Amino acid sequence: MAAIARSVLAVLTGMVVAALVVAIVEAISSQIYPLPRGLNAADPVAMREYIKTLPAGAFVFVLIGWALGTLAGAWTAARLAGRSPQLHGNIVGTLLLGTGVANMLMLPHPAWVWILGVITFVACGYGGGRLAARARPSV
């Protein structure tokens, strides 16, 4: 039972770390690409229309946030996992892929963001797990 609890906590902690990293990158992005005055961010229709007008640089920030968040979250989960660190990193990457796809379905994203986003989540989930697994001392 302790191993299961450790696995669940490792994945949950990885997800929290990922969310924090993405939030930090989004905060930086919002300083460079602020919302227009009067735009209600809670209005999904208004947000969809606004996102259609964003320059490519704003989407690059999204991809950077997803990459750094996924890498950090997968690494964290893999480091905290007792066994199968790579599996835990992959789980975090897969969960974040699901959240990213949901985001892209709700709000319009260019095709290149879809393609690079999916690649980013998979590669960074794997990479974070791999980095953490390699950092462990061999027994």
N, C-alpha and C. Protein backbone atom coordinates (compact mmCIF):
# COMPACT_ATOMS: atom_id res chain seq x y z
N MET A 1 0.82 -1.21 0.00
CA MET A 1 0.00 0.00 0.00
C MET A 1 0.86 1.26 0.00
N ALA A 2 1.98 1.23 0.72
CA ALA A 2 2.84 2.41 0.79
C ALA A 2 3.40 2.77 -0.58
N ALA A 3 3.70 1.74 -1.39
CA ALA A 3 4.23 2.00 -2.74
C ALA A 3 3.19 2.69 -3.62
N ILE A 4 1.93 2.29 -3.48
CA ILE A 4 0.86 2.91 -4.27
C ILE A 4 0.68 4.36 -3.85
N ALA A 5 0.67 4.60 -2.54
CA ALA A 5 0.52 5.97 -2.04
C ALA A 5 1.68 6.84 -2.52
N ARG A 6 2.88 6.28 -2.49
CA ARG A 6 4.05 7.05 -2.95
C ARG A 6 3.93 7.38 -4.43
N SER A 7 3.46 6.42 -5.22
CA SER A 7 3.28 6.65 -6.66
C SER A 7 2.25 7.74 -6.92
N VAL A 8 1.13 7.66 -6.22
CA VAL A 8 0.06 8.65 -6.41
C VAL A 8 0.56 10.03 -6.00
N LEU A 9 1.23 10.11 -4.87
CA LEU A 9 1.75 11.41 -4.41
C LEU A 9 2.82 11.95 -5.36
N ALA A 10 3.64 11.06 -5.91
CA ALA A 10 4.66 11.50 -6.86
C ALA A 10 4.01 12.13 -8.09
N VAL A 11 2.99 11.48 -8.62
CA VAL A 11 2.31 12.00 -9.81
C VAL A 11 1.58 13.30 -9.48
N LEU A 12 0.88 13.34 -8.36
CA LEU A 12 0.16 14.57 -7.98
C LEU A 12 1.13 15.73 -7.77
N THR A 13 2.26 15.46 -7.12
CA THR A 13 3.25 16.51 -6.91
C THR A 13 3.82 16.98 -8.24
N GLY A 14 4.06 16.04 -9.15
CA GLY A 14 4.54 16.39 -10.48
C GLY A 14 3.55 17.29 -11.22
N MET A 15 2.27 16.98 -11.07
CA MET A 15 1.24 17.80 -11.73
C MET A 15 1.20 19.21 -11.14
N VAL A 16 1.35 19.32 -9.82
CA VAL A 16 1.35 20.64 -9.17
C VAL A 16 2.57 21.44 -9.63
N VAL A 17 3.73 20.80 -9.66
CA VAL A 17 4.94 21.49 -10.12
C VAL A 17 4.76 21.96 -11.56
N ALA A 18 4.21 21.10 -12.41
CA ALA A 18 3.97 21.48 -13.81
C ALA A 18 3.05 22.69 -13.89
N ALA A 19 1.97 22.66 -13.12
CA ALA A 19 1.01 23.78 -13.14
C ALA A 19 1.68 25.08 -12.70
N LEU A 20 2.52 25.00 -11.68
CA LEU A 20 3.21 26.21 -11.20
C LEU A 20 4.16 26.76 -12.26
N VAL A 21 4.90 25.89 -12.91
CA VAL A 21 5.83 26.34 -13.95
C VAL A 21 5.07 26.97 -15.12
N VAL A 22 3.99 26.32 -15.55
CA VAL A 22 3.18 26.88 -16.64
C VAL A 22 2.62 28.24 -16.22
N ALA A 23 2.16 28.36 -14.98
CA ALA A 23 1.61 29.64 -14.50
C ALA A 23 2.66 30.74 -14.51
N ILE A 24 3.89 30.40 -14.15
CA ILE A 24 4.97 31.40 -14.16
C ILE A 24 5.24 31.87 -15.59
N VAL A 25 5.32 30.93 -16.53
CA VAL A 25 5.55 31.31 -17.93
C VAL A 25 4.38 32.13 -18.46
N GLU A 26 3.15 31.75 -18.10
CA GLU A 26 1.98 32.52 -18.53
C GLU A 26 2.00 33.93 -17.95
N ALA A 27 2.47 34.07 -16.71
CA ALA A 27 2.55 35.40 -16.10
C ALA A 27 3.55 36.28 -16.87
N ILE A 28 4.66 35.69 -17.26
CA ILE A 28 5.64 36.43 -18.07
C ILE A 28 5.04 36.79 -19.42
N SER A 29 4.37 35.83 -20.03
CA SER A 29 3.74 36.06 -21.33
C SER A 29 2.69 37.17 -21.27
N SER A 30 1.94 37.21 -20.17
CA SER A 30 0.88 38.23 -20.07
C SER A 30 1.45 39.64 -19.92
N GLN A 31 2.71 39.74 -19.51
CA GLN A 31 3.36 41.05 -19.46
C GLN A 31 3.75 41.50 -20.87
N ILE A 32 4.08 40.56 -21.71
CA ILE A 32 4.48 40.87 -23.08
C ILE A 32 3.26 40.99 -24.00
N TYR A 33 2.29 40.11 -23.78
CA TYR A 33 1.06 40.09 -24.58
C TYR A 33 -0.14 40.25 -23.64
N PRO A 34 -0.37 41.46 -23.11
CA PRO A 34 -1.48 41.64 -22.17
C PRO A 34 -2.84 41.54 -22.86
N LEU A 35 -3.83 41.15 -22.07
CA LEU A 35 -5.21 41.14 -22.58
C LEU A 35 -5.64 42.57 -22.88
N PRO A 36 -6.42 42.77 -23.92
CA PRO A 36 -6.93 44.12 -24.19
C PRO A 36 -7.86 44.58 -23.06
N ARG A 37 -7.86 45.87 -22.83
CA ARG A 37 -8.77 46.43 -21.82
C ARG A 37 -10.20 46.11 -22.18
N GLY A 38 -10.96 45.74 -21.17
CA GLY A 38 -12.37 45.45 -21.37
C GLY A 38 -12.67 44.03 -21.79
N LEU A 39 -11.65 43.24 -22.09
CA LEU A 39 -11.89 41.84 -22.48
C LEU A 39 -12.17 41.03 -21.22
N ASN A 40 -13.29 40.35 -21.21
CA ASN A 40 -13.66 39.49 -20.08
C ASN A 40 -13.06 38.11 -20.33
N ALA A 41 -12.01 37.77 -19.58
CA ALA A 41 -11.33 36.49 -19.76
C ALA A 41 -12.22 35.31 -19.40
N ALA A 42 -13.30 35.55 -18.67
CA ALA A 42 -14.23 34.48 -18.31
C ALA A 42 -15.25 34.21 -19.41
N ASP A 43 -15.28 35.05 -20.43
CA ASP A 43 -16.21 34.87 -21.55
C ASP A 43 -15.54 34.03 -22.63
N PRO A 44 -15.95 32.76 -22.78
CA PRO A 44 -15.26 31.88 -23.73
C PRO A 44 -15.37 32.35 -25.18
N VAL A 45 -16.48 32.95 -25.55
CA VAL A 45 -16.64 33.43 -26.93
C VAL A 45 -15.67 34.58 -27.20
N ALA A 46 -15.59 35.52 -26.27
CA ALA A 46 -14.67 36.65 -26.42
C ALA A 46 -13.22 36.16 -26.46
N MET A 47 -12.89 35.19 -25.62
CA MET A 47 -11.53 34.66 -25.60
C MET A 47 -11.19 33.94 -26.90
N ARG A 48 -12.14 33.18 -27.43
CA ARG A 48 -11.90 32.49 -28.71
C ARG A 48 -11.58 33.50 -29.81
N GLU A 49 -12.35 34.58 -29.85
CA GLU A 49 -12.13 35.61 -30.88
C GLU A 49 -10.79 36.31 -30.67
N TYR A 50 -10.46 36.59 -29.42
CA TYR A 50 -9.19 37.25 -29.12
C TYR A 50 -8.00 36.37 -29.50
N ILE A 51 -8.08 35.10 -29.17
CA ILE A 51 -6.97 34.18 -29.44
C ILE A 51 -6.69 34.07 -30.93
N LYS A 52 -7.73 34.21 -31.74
CA LYS A 52 -7.54 34.16 -33.20
C LYS A 52 -6.65 35.29 -33.69
N THR A 53 -6.53 36.37 -32.91
CA THR A 53 -5.75 37.53 -33.33
C THR A 53 -4.33 37.55 -32.77
N LEU A 54 -3.99 36.59 -31.93
CA LEU A 54 -2.68 36.60 -31.28
C LEU A 54 -1.55 36.36 -32.27
N PRO A 55 -0.42 37.03 -32.06
CA PRO A 55 0.74 36.78 -32.92
C PRO A 55 1.39 35.44 -32.56
N ALA A 56 2.24 34.96 -33.44
CA ALA A 56 2.91 33.67 -33.23
C ALA A 56 3.71 33.65 -31.94
N GLY A 57 4.29 34.79 -31.57
CA GLY A 57 5.09 34.86 -30.35
C GLY A 57 4.32 34.47 -29.10
N ALA A 58 3.05 34.81 -29.06
CA ALA A 58 2.22 34.45 -27.91
C ALA A 58 2.07 32.93 -27.82
N PHE A 59 1.93 32.29 -28.97
CA PHE A 59 1.81 30.83 -28.97
C PHE A 59 3.15 30.16 -28.64
N VAL A 60 4.24 30.82 -28.99
CA VAL A 60 5.56 30.29 -28.63
C VAL A 60 5.68 30.25 -27.11
N PHE A 61 5.18 31.29 -26.44
CA PHE A 61 5.19 31.28 -24.97
C PHE A 61 4.36 30.12 -24.42
N VAL A 62 3.23 29.85 -25.04
CA VAL A 62 2.40 28.72 -24.62
C VAL A 62 3.22 27.43 -24.72
N LEU A 63 3.89 27.24 -25.84
CA LEU A 63 4.68 26.03 -26.03
C LEU A 63 5.85 25.95 -25.04
N ILE A 64 6.48 27.09 -24.76
CA ILE A 64 7.57 27.11 -23.78
C ILE A 64 7.03 26.72 -22.40
N GLY A 65 5.88 27.27 -22.03
CA GLY A 65 5.27 26.91 -20.75
C GLY A 65 4.95 25.44 -20.67
N TRP A 66 4.36 24.91 -21.73
CA TRP A 66 4.03 23.48 -21.75
C TRP A 66 5.30 22.64 -21.65
N ALA A 67 6.34 23.03 -22.38
CA ALA A 67 7.59 22.25 -22.37
C ALA A 67 8.24 22.27 -21.00
N LEU A 68 8.44 23.46 -20.45
CA LEU A 68 9.11 23.56 -19.15
C LEU A 68 8.27 22.93 -18.04
N GLY A 69 6.96 23.16 -18.09
CA GLY A 69 6.07 22.58 -17.08
C GLY A 69 6.06 21.06 -17.14
N THR A 70 5.98 20.51 -18.34
CA THR A 70 5.96 19.05 -18.49
C THR A 70 7.29 18.45 -18.07
N LEU A 71 8.38 19.07 -18.48
CA LEU A 71 9.70 18.58 -18.11
C LEU A 71 9.88 18.59 -16.59
N ALA A 72 9.53 19.71 -15.96
CA ALA A 72 9.68 19.83 -14.50
C ALA A 72 8.74 18.88 -13.76
N GLY A 73 7.50 18.77 -14.22
CA GLY A 73 6.55 17.89 -13.56
C GLY A 73 6.92 16.43 -13.70
N ALA A 74 7.34 16.02 -14.90
CA ALA A 74 7.74 14.63 -15.12
C ALA A 74 9.00 14.30 -14.32
N TRP A 75 9.94 15.23 -14.29
CA TRP A 75 11.16 15.02 -13.52
C TRP A 75 10.84 14.88 -12.03
N THR A 76 9.98 15.74 -11.53
CA THR A 76 9.60 15.69 -10.12
C THR A 76 8.94 14.36 -9.78
N ALA A 77 7.98 13.95 -10.58
CA ALA A 77 7.29 12.68 -10.32
C ALA A 77 8.26 11.51 -10.37
N ALA A 78 9.15 11.52 -11.34
CA ALA A 78 10.11 10.43 -11.48
C ALA A 78 11.09 10.39 -10.31
N ARG A 79 11.50 11.56 -9.83
CA ARG A 79 12.43 11.61 -8.69
C ARG A 79 11.76 11.15 -7.40
N LEU A 80 10.49 11.45 -7.25
CA LEU A 80 9.79 11.08 -6.02
C LEU A 80 9.30 9.63 -6.02
N ALA A 81 9.19 9.05 -7.19
CA ALA A 81 8.68 7.68 -7.30
C ALA A 81 9.69 6.70 -6.69
N GLY A 82 9.18 5.75 -5.98
CA GLY A 82 10.07 4.74 -5.42
C GLY A 82 10.60 3.81 -6.49
N ARG A 83 9.72 3.33 -7.32
CA ARG A 83 10.08 2.41 -8.39
C ARG A 83 9.56 2.97 -9.71
N SER A 84 10.11 2.48 -10.77
CA SER A 84 9.66 2.85 -12.13
C SER A 84 9.61 4.36 -12.34
N PRO A 85 10.73 5.05 -12.18
CA PRO A 85 10.70 6.51 -12.34
C PRO A 85 10.24 6.94 -13.73
N GLN A 86 10.68 6.20 -14.76
CA GLN A 86 10.29 6.58 -16.12
C GLN A 86 8.78 6.50 -16.30
N LEU A 87 8.17 5.48 -15.73
CA LEU A 87 6.72 5.33 -15.82
C LEU A 87 6.02 6.54 -15.22
N HIS A 88 6.49 7.00 -14.08
CA HIS A 88 5.86 8.14 -13.42
C HIS A 88 6.01 9.42 -14.24
N GLY A 89 7.18 9.61 -14.84
CA GLY A 89 7.36 10.76 -15.73
C GLY A 89 6.44 10.68 -16.93
N ASN A 90 6.30 9.48 -17.48
CA ASN A 90 5.40 9.29 -18.63
C ASN A 90 3.94 9.53 -18.25
N ILE A 91 3.56 9.13 -17.04
CA ILE A 91 2.18 9.36 -16.60
C ILE A 91 1.89 10.86 -16.53
N VAL A 92 2.81 11.61 -15.93
CA VAL A 92 2.63 13.07 -15.86
C VAL A 92 2.56 13.66 -17.26
N GLY A 93 3.45 13.24 -18.15
CA GLY A 93 3.43 13.73 -19.52
C GLY A 93 2.11 13.43 -20.22
N THR A 94 1.58 12.23 -19.98
CA THR A 94 0.31 11.83 -20.60
C THR A 94 -0.86 12.64 -20.04
N LEU A 95 -0.87 12.84 -18.73
CA LEU A 95 -1.94 13.65 -18.12
C LEU A 95 -1.89 15.09 -18.64
N LEU A 96 -0.69 15.62 -18.75
CA LEU A 96 -0.56 16.99 -19.27
C LEU A 96 -0.91 17.07 -20.74
N LEU A 97 -0.61 16.03 -21.50
CA LEU A 97 -1.04 15.97 -22.90
C LEU A 97 -2.56 16.07 -22.96
N GLY A 98 -3.24 15.36 -22.08
CA GLY A 98 -4.71 15.44 -22.04
C GLY A 98 -5.21 16.84 -21.74
N THR A 99 -4.56 17.52 -20.79
CA THR A 99 -4.99 18.89 -20.47
C THR A 99 -4.69 19.83 -21.63
N GLY A 100 -3.56 19.62 -22.30
CA GLY A 100 -3.21 20.46 -23.44
C GLY A 100 -4.17 20.28 -24.60
N VAL A 101 -4.54 19.03 -24.88
CA VAL A 101 -5.50 18.77 -25.96
C VAL A 101 -6.85 19.39 -25.61
N ALA A 102 -7.27 19.26 -24.35
CA ALA A 102 -8.54 19.88 -23.92
C ALA A 102 -8.49 21.39 -24.14
N ASN A 103 -7.36 22.01 -23.78
CA ASN A 103 -7.19 23.44 -23.98
C ASN A 103 -7.28 23.80 -25.45
N MET A 104 -6.62 23.02 -26.29
CA MET A 104 -6.62 23.32 -27.73
C MET A 104 -7.98 23.07 -28.37
N LEU A 105 -8.76 22.17 -27.79
CA LEU A 105 -10.12 21.94 -28.29
C LEU A 105 -11.07 23.08 -27.89
N MET A 106 -10.86 23.63 -26.69
CA MET A 106 -11.74 24.70 -26.20
C MET A 106 -11.42 26.05 -26.82
N LEU A 107 -10.15 26.29 -27.07
CA LEU A 107 -9.71 27.58 -27.61
C LEU A 107 -8.96 27.34 -28.91
N PRO A 108 -9.15 28.18 -29.91
CA PRO A 108 -8.52 27.93 -31.21
C PRO A 108 -6.99 28.09 -31.14
N HIS A 109 -6.32 27.12 -31.68
CA HIS A 109 -4.86 27.16 -31.79
C HIS A 109 -4.50 26.82 -33.23
N PRO A 110 -3.47 27.46 -33.76
CA PRO A 110 -3.04 27.12 -35.12
C PRO A 110 -2.58 25.65 -35.20
N ALA A 111 -2.61 25.11 -36.39
CA ALA A 111 -2.22 23.70 -36.59
C ALA A 111 -0.80 23.44 -36.10
N TRP A 112 0.10 24.39 -36.33
CA TRP A 112 1.49 24.18 -35.91
C TRP A 112 1.61 24.06 -34.39
N VAL A 113 0.72 24.74 -33.64
CA VAL A 113 0.74 24.63 -32.18
C VAL A 113 0.24 23.24 -31.77
N TRP A 114 -0.79 22.76 -32.45
CA TRP A 114 -1.28 21.40 -32.19
C TRP A 114 -0.14 20.39 -32.36
N ILE A 115 0.53 20.47 -33.49
CA ILE A 115 1.59 19.50 -33.81
C ILE A 115 2.73 19.60 -32.80
N LEU A 116 3.24 20.82 -32.61
CA LEU A 116 4.35 21.00 -31.68
C LEU A 116 3.93 20.74 -30.24
N GLY A 117 2.68 21.06 -29.90
CA GLY A 117 2.19 20.81 -28.55
C GLY A 117 2.18 19.33 -28.21
N VAL A 118 1.64 18.52 -29.10
CA VAL A 118 1.60 17.07 -28.85
C VAL A 118 3.03 16.52 -28.74
N ILE A 119 3.89 16.93 -29.66
CA ILE A 119 5.29 16.48 -29.60
C ILE A 119 5.94 16.92 -28.29
N THR A 120 5.68 18.16 -27.88
CA THR A 120 6.27 18.71 -26.67
C THR A 120 5.86 17.91 -25.44
N PHE A 121 4.57 17.64 -25.29
CA PHE A 121 4.11 16.90 -24.11
C PHE A 121 4.73 15.51 -24.05
N VAL A 122 4.74 14.82 -25.18
CA VAL A 122 5.29 13.46 -25.21
C VAL A 122 6.80 13.48 -24.95
N ALA A 123 7.51 14.34 -25.66
CA ALA A 123 8.97 14.38 -25.53
C ALA A 123 9.41 14.85 -24.15
N CYS A 124 8.76 15.87 -23.62
CA CYS A 124 9.16 16.40 -22.32
C CYS A 124 8.72 15.49 -21.17
N GLY A 125 7.61 14.81 -21.33
CA GLY A 125 7.22 13.81 -20.33
C GLY A 125 8.24 12.70 -20.27
N TYR A 126 8.62 12.20 -21.44
CA TYR A 126 9.64 11.15 -21.51
C TYR A 126 10.99 11.69 -21.01
N GLY A 127 11.36 12.88 -21.50
CA GLY A 127 12.65 13.46 -21.15
C GLY A 127 12.80 13.74 -19.66
N GLY A 128 11.74 14.26 -19.04
CA GLY A 128 11.80 14.52 -17.60
C GLY A 128 11.98 13.25 -16.81
N GLY A 129 11.25 12.21 -17.20
CA GLY A 129 11.41 10.91 -16.54
C GLY A 129 12.79 10.34 -16.76
N ARG A 130 13.30 10.49 -17.96
CA ARG A 130 14.63 9.96 -18.30
C ARG A 130 15.72 10.68 -17.52
N LEU A 131 15.63 12.00 -17.44
CA LEU A 131 16.62 12.77 -16.69
C LEU A 131 16.64 12.37 -15.22
N ALA A 132 15.47 12.20 -14.64
CA ALA A 132 15.40 11.81 -13.23
C ALA A 132 15.92 10.40 -13.03
N ALA A 133 15.58 9.50 -13.93
CA ALA A 133 16.03 8.11 -13.81
C ALA A 133 17.55 8.03 -13.94
N ARG A 134 18.12 8.82 -14.83
CA ARG A 134 19.58 8.81 -15.02
C ARG A 134 20.30 9.42 -13.83
N ALA A 135 19.64 10.33 -13.12
CA ALA A 135 20.28 11.00 -11.99
C ALA A 135 20.33 10.11 -10.75
N ARG A 136 19.55 9.02 -10.76
CA ARG A 136 19.55 8.12 -9.60
C ARG A 136 20.84 7.30 -9.59
N PRO A 137 21.37 7.10 -8.40
CA PRO A 137 22.56 6.24 -8.33
C PRO A 137 22.19 4.79 -8.63
N SER A 138 23.06 4.09 -9.38
CA SER A 138 22.76 2.68 -9.66
C SER A 138 23.15 1.82 -8.47
N VAL A 139 22.30 0.87 -8.24
CA VAL A 139 22.52 -0.01 -7.08
C VAL A 139 22.94 -1.37 -7.57
